[in-house]
C-alpha atoms as a PDB file:
ATOM      1  CA  MET A   1      84.168 126.098  65.722  1.00  0.00           C
ATOM      2  CA  CYS A   2      81.434 128.489  66.876  1.00  0.00           C
ATOM      3  CA  THR A   3      77.984 127.758  65.417  1.00  0.00           C
ATOM      4  CA  ARG A   4      76.142 130.799  66.789  1.00  0.00           C
ATOM      5  CA  GLN A   5      74.136 132.957  64.387  1.00  0.00           C
ATOM      6  CA  VAL A   6      75.806 136.117  63.135  1.00  0.00           C
ATOM      7  CA  ARG A   7      74.777 139.284  61.313  1.00  0.00           C
ATOM      8  CA  ALA A   8      76.757 141.645  59.110  1.00  0.00           C
ATOM      9  CA  ARG A   9      77.988 144.888  60.707  1.00  0.00           C
ATOM     10  CA  CYS A  10      78.582 147.400  57.911  1.00  0.00           C
ATOM     11  CA  GLY A  11      78.749 150.772  59.618  1.00  0.00           C
ATOM     12  CA  GLU A  12      80.754 153.892  58.860  1.00  0.00           C
ATOM     13  CA  VAL A  13      83.036 153.898  61.923  1.00  0.00           C
ATOM     14  CA  ASN A  14      84.383 150.389  62.553  1.00  0.00           C
ATOM     15  CA  ALA A  15      85.685 147.928  59.959  1.00  0.00           C
ATOM     16  CA  TRP A  16      82.903 145.820  58.442  1.00  0.00           C
ATOM     17  CA  HIS A  17      82.644 142.467  60.184  1.00  0.00           C
ATOM     18  CA  TRP A  18      80.363 139.644  61.267  1.00  0.00           C
ATOM     19  CA  ALA A  19      79.011 139.821  64.831  1.00  0.00           C
ATOM     20  CA  HIS A  20      76.888 137.512  66.945  1.00  0.00           C
ATOM     21  CA  LYS A  21      73.166 138.267  66.990  1.00  0.00           C
ATOM     22  CA  GLN A  22      73.389 137.842  70.743  1.00  0.00           C
ATOM     23  CA  ARG A  23      76.396 138.772  72.822  1.00  0.00           C
ATOM     24  CA  TRP A  24      78.043 135.392  73.206  1.00  0.00           C
ATOM     25  CA  ASP A  25      81.824 135.326  73.223  1.00  0.00           C
ATOM     26  CA  CYS A  26      83.493 132.485  71.339  1.00  0.00           C
ATOM     27  CA  ASP A  27      86.992 133.335  72.561  1.00  0.00           C
ATOM     28  CA  THR A  28      87.801 130.749  75.215  1.00  0.00           C
ATOM     29  CA  TRP A  29      90.373 133.133  76.702  1.00  0.00           C
ATOM     30  CA  ALA A  30      87.899 135.964  77.207  1.00  0.00           C
ATOM     31  CA  GLU A  31      87.030 137.114  80.705  1.00  0.00           C
ATOM     32  CA  GLY A  32      84.377 139.511  81.895  1.00  0.00           C
ATOM     33  CA  GLU A  33      85.413 143.084  81.211  1.00  0.00           C
ATOM     34  CA  SER A  34      85.751 145.199  84.347  1.00  0.00           C
ATOM     35  CA  GLU A  35      86.179 148.932  84.843  1.00  0.00           C
ATOM     36  CA  TRP A  36      89.883 148.180  85.211  1.00  0.00           C
ATOM     37  CA  HIS A  37      89.972 146.592  81.733  1.00  0.00           C
ATOM     38  CA  ARG A  38      88.071 149.486  80.197  1.00  0.00           C
ATOM     39  CA  ALA A  39      90.301 152.104  81.820  1.00  0.00           C
ATOM     40  CA  TRP A  40      93.381 150.425  80.385  1.00  0.00           C
ATOM     41  CA  LYS A  41      91.953 150.072  76.898  1.00  0.00           C
ATOM     42  CA  GLN A  42      90.943 153.722  76.817  1.00  0.00           C
ATOM     43  CA  ARG A  43      94.590 154.686  77.196  1.00  0.00           C
ATOM     44  CA  PHE A  44      95.227 153.401  73.672  1.00  0.00           C
ATOM     45  CA  PRO A  45      93.717 154.247  70.262  1.00  0.00           C
ATOM     46  CA  ARG A  46      90.448 152.499  69.428  1.00  0.00           C
ATOM     47  CA  GLN A  47      92.077 150.732  66.474  1.00  0.00           C
ATOM     48  CA  TRP A  48      94.405 148.878  68.833  1.00  0.00           C
ATOM     49  CA  ARG A  49      91.704 147.499  71.143  1.00  0.00           C
ATOM     50  CA  GLU A  50      90.069 144.073  70.898  1.00  0.00           C
ATOM     51  CA  CYS A  51      92.133 143.017  67.882  1.00  0.00           C
ATOM     52  CA  VAL A  52      91.175 139.659  66.392  1.00  0.00           C
ATOM     53  CA  ILE A  53      94.195 137.401  65.881  1.00  0.00           C
ATOM     54  CA  GLY A  54      93.303 133.957  64.603  1.00  0.00           C
ATOM     55  CA  SER A  55      90.654 132.465  66.881  1.00  0.00           C
ATOM     56  CA  HIS A  56      91.410 134.866  69.732  1.00  0.00           C
ATOM     57  CA  ARG A  57      91.021 138.526  70.500  1.00  0.00           C
ATOM     58  CA  ALA A  58      93.910 140.457  72.016  1.00  0.00           C
ATOM     59  CA  ASP A  59      93.018 143.138  74.559  1.00  0.00           C
ATOM     60  CA  ILE A  60      95.454 145.601  72.985  1.00  0.00           C
ATOM     61  CA  LYS A  61      97.695 145.181  69.948  1.00  0.00           C
ATOM     62  CA  SER A  62     100.278 147.950  69.852  1.00  0.00           C
ATOM     63  CA  PRO A  63     103.209 148.480  67.483  1.00  0.00           C
ATOM     64  CA  ARG A  64     105.330 146.789  70.167  1.00  0.00           C
ATOM     65  CA  GLY A  65     103.153 143.698  70.411  1.00  0.00           C
ATOM     66  CA  VAL A  66     100.140 142.396  72.286  1.00  0.00           C
ATOM     67  CA  ILE A  67      99.251 143.689  75.746  1.00  0.00           C
ATOM     68  CA  GLU A  68      97.174 141.173  77.683  1.00  0.00           C
ATOM     69  CA  LEU A  69      95.200 142.600  80.596  1.00  0.00           C
ATOM     70  CA  GLN A  70      94.569 140.029  83.304  1.00  0.00           C
ATOM     71  CA  ALA A  71      92.480 140.560  86.419  1.00  0.00           C
ATOM     72  CA  SER A  72      91.115 137.090  87.180  1.00  0.00           C
ATOM     73  CA  ALA A  73      92.839 133.834  88.097  1.00  0.00           C
ATOM     74  CA  ILE A  74      94.456 131.947  85.241  1.00  0.00           C
ATOM     75  CA  SER A  75      96.229 128.591  84.982  1.00  0.00           C
ATOM     76  CA  ALA A  76      99.895 128.098  84.153  1.00  0.00           C
ATOM     77  CA  THR A  77      98.822 126.136  81.072  1.00  0.00           C
ATOM     78  CA  GLU A  78      96.785 129.057  79.779  1.00  0.00           C
ATOM     79  CA  VAL A  79      99.663 131.451  80.442  1.00  0.00           C
ATOM     80  CA  ALA A  80     101.935 129.241  78.350  1.00  0.00           C
ATOM     81  CA  ASP A  81      99.310 128.867  75.606  1.00  0.00           C
ATOM     82  CA  ARG A  82      98.778 132.608  75.246  1.00  0.00           C
ATOM     83  CA  GLU A  83     102.486 133.344  75.255  1.00  0.00           C
ATOM     84  CA  ALA A  84     103.086 130.759  72.538  1.00  0.00           C
ATOM     85  CA  PHE A  85     100.134 132.010  70.484  1.00  0.00           C
ATOM     86  CA  TYR A  86     100.826 135.750  70.610  1.00  0.00           C
ATOM     87  CA  GLY A  87     104.614 135.556  70.643  1.00  0.00           C
ATOM     88  CA  GLU A  88     105.527 139.180  71.128  1.00  0.00           C
ATOM     89  CA  MET A  89     103.472 140.214  74.150  1.00  0.00           C
ATOM     90  CA  VAL A  90     103.474 141.465  77.731  1.00  0.00           C
ATOM     91  CA  TRP A  91     101.150 140.943  80.691  1.00  0.00           C
ATOM     92  CA  VAL A  92      99.552 143.724  82.718  1.00  0.00           C
ATOM     93  CA  LEU A  93      98.097 142.282  85.920  1.00  0.00           C
ATOM     94  CA  ASN A  94      95.620 143.913  88.263  1.00  0.00           C
ATOM     95  CA  ALA A  95      97.774 143.681  91.394  1.00  0.00           C
ATOM     96  CA  THR A  96      95.712 145.861  93.701  1.00  0.00           C
ATOM     97  CA  ASP A  97      94.888 142.813  95.858  1.00  0.00           C
ATOM     98  CA  PHE A  98      98.255 141.040  95.597  1.00  0.00           C
ATOM     99  CA  ASN A  99      99.185 142.009  99.169  1.00  0.00           C
ATOM    100  CA  LEU A 100     102.687 143.146  98.267  1.00  0.00           C
ATOM    101  CA  THR A 101     105.135 144.659 100.727  1.00  0.00           C
ATOM    102  CA  ILE A 102     107.223 147.030  98.632  1.00  0.00           C
ATOM    103  CA  ARG A 103     110.515 148.708  99.486  1.00  0.00           C
ATOM    104  CA  ASP A 104     111.753 151.569  97.361  1.00  0.00           C
ATOM    105  CA  ARG A 105     115.518 151.217  96.902  1.00  0.00           C
ATOM    106  CA  GLY A 106     115.882 154.363  94.813  1.00  0.00           C
ATOM    107  CA  SER A 107     116.767 153.075  91.356  1.00  0.00           C
ATOM    108  CA  TYR A 108     114.732 149.889  91.865  1.00  0.00           C
ATOM    109  CA  VAL A 109     112.204 148.308  94.208  1.00  0.00           C
ATOM    110  CA  THR A 110     112.015 144.999  96.016  1.00  0.00           C
ATOM    111  CA  PHE A 111     108.852 143.302  97.209  1.00  0.00           C
ATOM    112  CA  ARG A 112     107.545 140.421  99.257  1.00  0.00           C
ATOM    113  CA  TRP A 113     104.399 138.646  98.095  1.00  0.00           C
ATOM    114  CA  LYS A 114     102.550 137.164 101.038  1.00  0.00           C
ATOM    115  CA  HIS A 115     100.092 135.021  99.080  1.00  0.00           C
ATOM    116  CA  PRO A 116     101.669 134.722  95.621  1.00  0.00           C
ATOM    117  CA  ARG A 117      99.686 133.703  92.559  1.00  0.00           C
ATOM    118  CA  LYS A 118     102.047 130.876  91.685  1.00  0.00           C
ATOM    119  CA  THR A 119     100.815 130.822  88.089  1.00  0.00           C
ATOM    120  CA  TRP A 120     102.936 133.877  87.393  1.00  0.00           C
ATOM    121  CA  TRP A 121     106.105 132.106  88.460  1.00  0.00           C
ATOM    122  CA  THR A 122     105.855 130.274  85.121  1.00  0.00           C
ATOM    123  CA  ALA A 123     105.407 133.324  82.864  1.00  0.00           C
ATOM    124  CA  GLU A 124     108.172 133.879  80.334  1.00  0.00           C
ATOM    125  CA  LYS A 125     106.889 137.154  78.892  1.00  0.00           C
ATOM    126  CA  PRO A 126     107.358 140.500  80.685  1.00  0.00           C
ATOM    127  CA  LEU A 127     105.099 141.174  83.666  1.00  0.00           C
ATOM    128  CA  TYR A 128     103.768 144.518  84.828  1.00  0.00           C
ATOM    129  CA  PHE A 129     101.936 144.739  88.159  1.00  0.00           C
ATOM    130  CA  ASP A 130      99.311 147.487  88.246  1.00  0.00           C
ATOM    131  CA  LEU A 131      99.243 148.824  91.810  1.00  0.00           C
ATOM    132  CA  GLY A 132      96.348 151.201  91.209  1.00  0.00           C
ATOM    133  CA  GLN A 133      98.339 154.414  90.733  1.00  0.00           C
ATOM    134  CA  ARG A 134     101.427 153.158  88.923  1.00  0.00           C
ATOM    135  CA  LEU A 135     103.057 149.969  87.722  1.00  0.00           C
ATOM    136  CA  ILE A 136     105.942 147.806  88.770  1.00  0.00           C
ATOM    137  CA  LYS A 137     107.890 146.467  85.829  1.00  0.00           C
ATOM    138  CA  ILE A 138     108.957 143.074  87.144  1.00  0.00           C
ATOM    139  CA  ASN A 139     112.588 142.169  86.679  1.00  0.00           C
ATOM    140  CA  ARG A 140     112.601 139.000  88.766  1.00  0.00           C
ATOM    141  CA  ILE A 141     110.281 136.844  90.857  1.00  0.00           C
ATOM    142  CA  TYR A 142     111.717 134.241  93.223  1.00  0.00           C
ATOM    143  CA  ASP A 143     109.661 131.098  92.701  1.00  0.00           C
ATOM    144  CA  ASN A 144     109.825 129.825  96.264  1.00  0.00           C
ATOM    145  CA  LEU A 145     108.365 130.741  99.629  1.00  0.00           C
ATOM    146  CA  PRO A 146     108.464 133.333 101.024  1.00  0.00           C
ATOM    147  CA  CYS A 147     108.006 134.753  97.540  1.00  0.00           C
ATOM    148  CA  GLY A 148     109.596 138.038  96.574  1.00  0.00           C
ATOM    149  CA  GLY A 149     111.143 139.833  93.690  1.00  0.00           C
ATOM    150  CA  SER A 150     112.437 143.070  92.267  1.00  0.00           C
ATOM    151  CA  GLY A 151     111.535 145.579  89.602  1.00  0.00           C
ATOM    152  CA  SER A 152     111.109 149.272  88.962  1.00  0.00           C
ATOM    153  CA  PHE A 153     108.271 151.751  89.249  1.00  0.00           C
ATOM    154  CA  LEU A 154     106.710 152.919  85.997  1.00  0.00           C
ATOM    155  CA  SER A 155     103.969 155.491  85.453  1.00  0.00           C
ATOM    156  CA  TYR A 156     100.982 154.734  83.256  1.00  0.00           C
ATOM    157  CA  ASP A 157     102.003 157.519  80.874  1.00  0.00           C
ATOM    158  CA  LYS A 158     105.507 156.083  80.444  1.00  0.00           C
ATOM    159  CA  PHE A 159     104.103 152.614  79.790  1.00  0.00           C
ATOM    160  CA  VAL A 160     101.678 153.886  77.147  1.00  0.00           C
ATOM    161  CA  GLU A 161     104.405 155.991  75.545  1.00  0.00           C
ATOM    162  CA  ALA A 162     106.813 153.041  75.385  1.00  0.00           C
ATOM    163  CA  PHE A 163     104.276 150.704  73.771  1.00  0.00           C
ATOM    164  CA  SER A 164     103.013 153.327  71.329  1.00  0.00           C
ATOM    165  CA  GLN A 165     106.379 153.803  69.644  1.00  0.00           C
ATOM    166  CA  PRO A 166     107.106 151.887  66.426  1.00  0.00           C
ATOM    167  CA  LYS A 167     110.142 149.673  66.264  1.00  0.00           C
ATOM    168  CA  LEU A 168     113.172 150.969  64.430  1.00  0.00           C
ATOM    169  CA  GLY A 169     112.525 150.724  60.696  1.00  0.00           C
ATOM    170  CA  ASP A 170     108.791 150.047  60.973  1.00  0.00           C
ATOM    171  CA  LYS A 171     106.448 151.917  58.636  1.00  0.00           C
ATOM    172  CA  LEU A 172     103.052 152.707  60.117  1.00  0.00           C
ATOM    173  CA  CYS A 173      99.693 152.741  58.365  1.00  0.00           C
ATOM    174  CA  ASP A 174      98.166 156.237  58.299  1.00  0.00           C
ATOM    175  CA  GLY A 175      94.729 154.736  58.940  1.00  0.00           C
ATOM    176  CA  CYS A 176      95.355 152.665  62.077  1.00  0.00           C
ATOM    177  CA  TRP A 177      98.944 153.555  63.082  1.00  0.00           C
ATOM    178  CA  MET A 178     100.044 149.924  63.026  1.00  0.00           C
ATOM    179  CA  PRO A 179     103.205 148.632  61.303  1.00  0.00           C
ATOM    180  CA  PHE A 180     103.042 146.772  58.030  1.00  0.00           C
ATOM    181  CA  ALA A 181     104.455 143.281  58.474  1.00  0.00           C
ATOM    182  CA  SER A 182     104.091 139.749  57.124  1.00  0.00           C
ATOM    183  CA  ARG A 183     101.126 138.626  55.035  1.00  0.00           C
ATOM    184  CA  GLN A 184      99.039 137.013  57.715  1.00  0.00           C
ATOM    185  CA  LEU A 185      95.271 136.963  57.725  1.00  0.00           C
ATOM    186  CA  THR A 186      92.293 135.723  59.637  1.00  0.00           C
ATOM    187  CA  GLU A 187      89.541 134.067  57.626  1.00  0.00           C
ATOM    188  CA  THR A 188      85.839 134.151  58.325  1.00  0.00           C
ATOM    189  CA  ARG A 189      83.159 132.576  56.188  1.00  0.00           C
ATOM    190  CA  LEU A 190      81.607 134.505  53.272  1.00  0.00           C
ATOM    191  CA  TYR A 191      84.053 137.348  53.603  1.00  0.00           C
ATOM    192  CA  GLU A 192      87.773 137.512  54.287  1.00  0.00           C
ATOM    193  CA  TYR A 193      88.538 139.852  57.162  1.00  0.00           C
ATOM    194  CA  TYR A 194      92.193 140.846  57.354  1.00  0.00           C
ATOM    195  CA  THR A 195      93.092 141.516  60.951  1.00  0.00           C
ATOM    196  CA  MET A 196      96.883 141.287  60.979  1.00  0.00           C
ATOM    197  CA  ASP A 197      99.508 143.694  59.676  1.00  0.00           C
ATOM    198  CA  LEU A 198      99.654 143.492  55.906  1.00  0.00           C
ATOM    199  CA  ASP A 199     101.405 145.198  53.032  1.00  0.00           C
ATOM    200  CA  PRO A 200      98.727 147.545  51.598  1.00  0.00           C
ATOM    201  CA  ALA A 201     100.093 147.157  48.083  1.00  0.00           C
ATOM    202  CA  THR A 202      99.425 143.410  48.031  1.00  0.00           C
ATOM    203  CA  ALA A 203      96.254 141.676  46.841  1.00  0.00           C
ATOM    204  CA  THR A 204      95.688 138.042  47.798  1.00  0.00           C
ATOM    205  CA  LYS A 205      93.225 135.322  46.894  1.00  0.00           C
ATOM    206  CA  GLY A 206      92.319 132.603  49.398  1.00  0.00           C
ATOM    207  CA  ALA A 207      91.838 128.993  48.385  1.00  0.00           C
ATOM    208  CA  GLY A 208      88.274 128.338  47.257  1.00  0.00           C
ATOM    209  CA  THR A 209      87.257 131.983  47.507  1.00  0.00           C
ATOM    210  CA  ASP A 210      86.641 134.842  45.162  1.00  0.00           C
ATOM    211  CA  SER A 211      89.394 137.416  44.760  1.00  0.00           C
ATOM    212  CA  PHE A 212      89.574 140.256  47.242  1.00  0.00           C
ATOM    213  CA  GLN A 213      91.021 143.731  47.372  1.00  0.00           C
ATOM    214  CA  MET A 214      93.128 144.135  50.494  1.00  0.00           C
ATOM    215  CA  ILE A 215      93.865 147.390  52.247  1.00  0.00           C
ATOM    216  CA  HIS A 216      95.021 146.872  55.866  1.00  0.00           C
ATOM    217  CA  PRO A 217      93.679 145.766  59.259  1.00  0.00           C
ATOM    218  CA  CYS A 218      91.915 149.118  59.576  1.00  0.00           C
ATOM    219  CA  SER A 219      89.601 148.038  56.744  1.00  0.00           C
ATOM    220  CA  ILE A 220      88.013 144.777  55.668  1.00  0.00           C
ATOM    221  CA  ALA A 221      88.767 143.106  52.361  1.00  0.00           C
ATOM    222  CA  THR A 222      85.875 143.606  49.962  1.00  0.00           C
ATOM    223  CA  ARG A 223      84.684 141.487  47.079  1.00  0.00           C
ATOM    224  CA  GLN A 224      85.839 142.641  43.679  1.00  0.00           C
END
């Protein structure tokens, strides 16, 4: 558990929350944010960025699931841990230095990967390689040497459009455009901060706490 000092943030733009007095990051999965990270996050609504889920913070949480942006090296164990934790998710990898040799076959592409990051051979969630101007949606990676694979080109706009659409039957919140789902919550001390998708008509009371009025992840729960 983090023991750093925090202060209340009660502004008029973002949901009220507790923040560190100094800019330490308690999320063990966090990496330094680059221009590449920021450019990707700016493609999505502010409400979907840096969403707290349990003890971690997803880069982007869209109606279609979590989008994890990865630029630095990562272990196979951490890949498996994140996939198990987030469940419904995809990876977007900064592949500008992957040294891929790509052949456009018309309806699909094939590639050779000269120095493959073998970690990604173990990924079970969908992979998207960001080439700098467009993506490759990976269909298959051959986990041997010489490494190669296949996929299809995808524009940034098409990716954003696909992950911004609600699933069939989902009802979206007018405030943050996220679907209402199961009654999950993330607890902090002194206040209860609801960060997952919740039914706005439901009020809950945590064990050992006062009662709270719940709205949705676009707002914090306030003491009654």
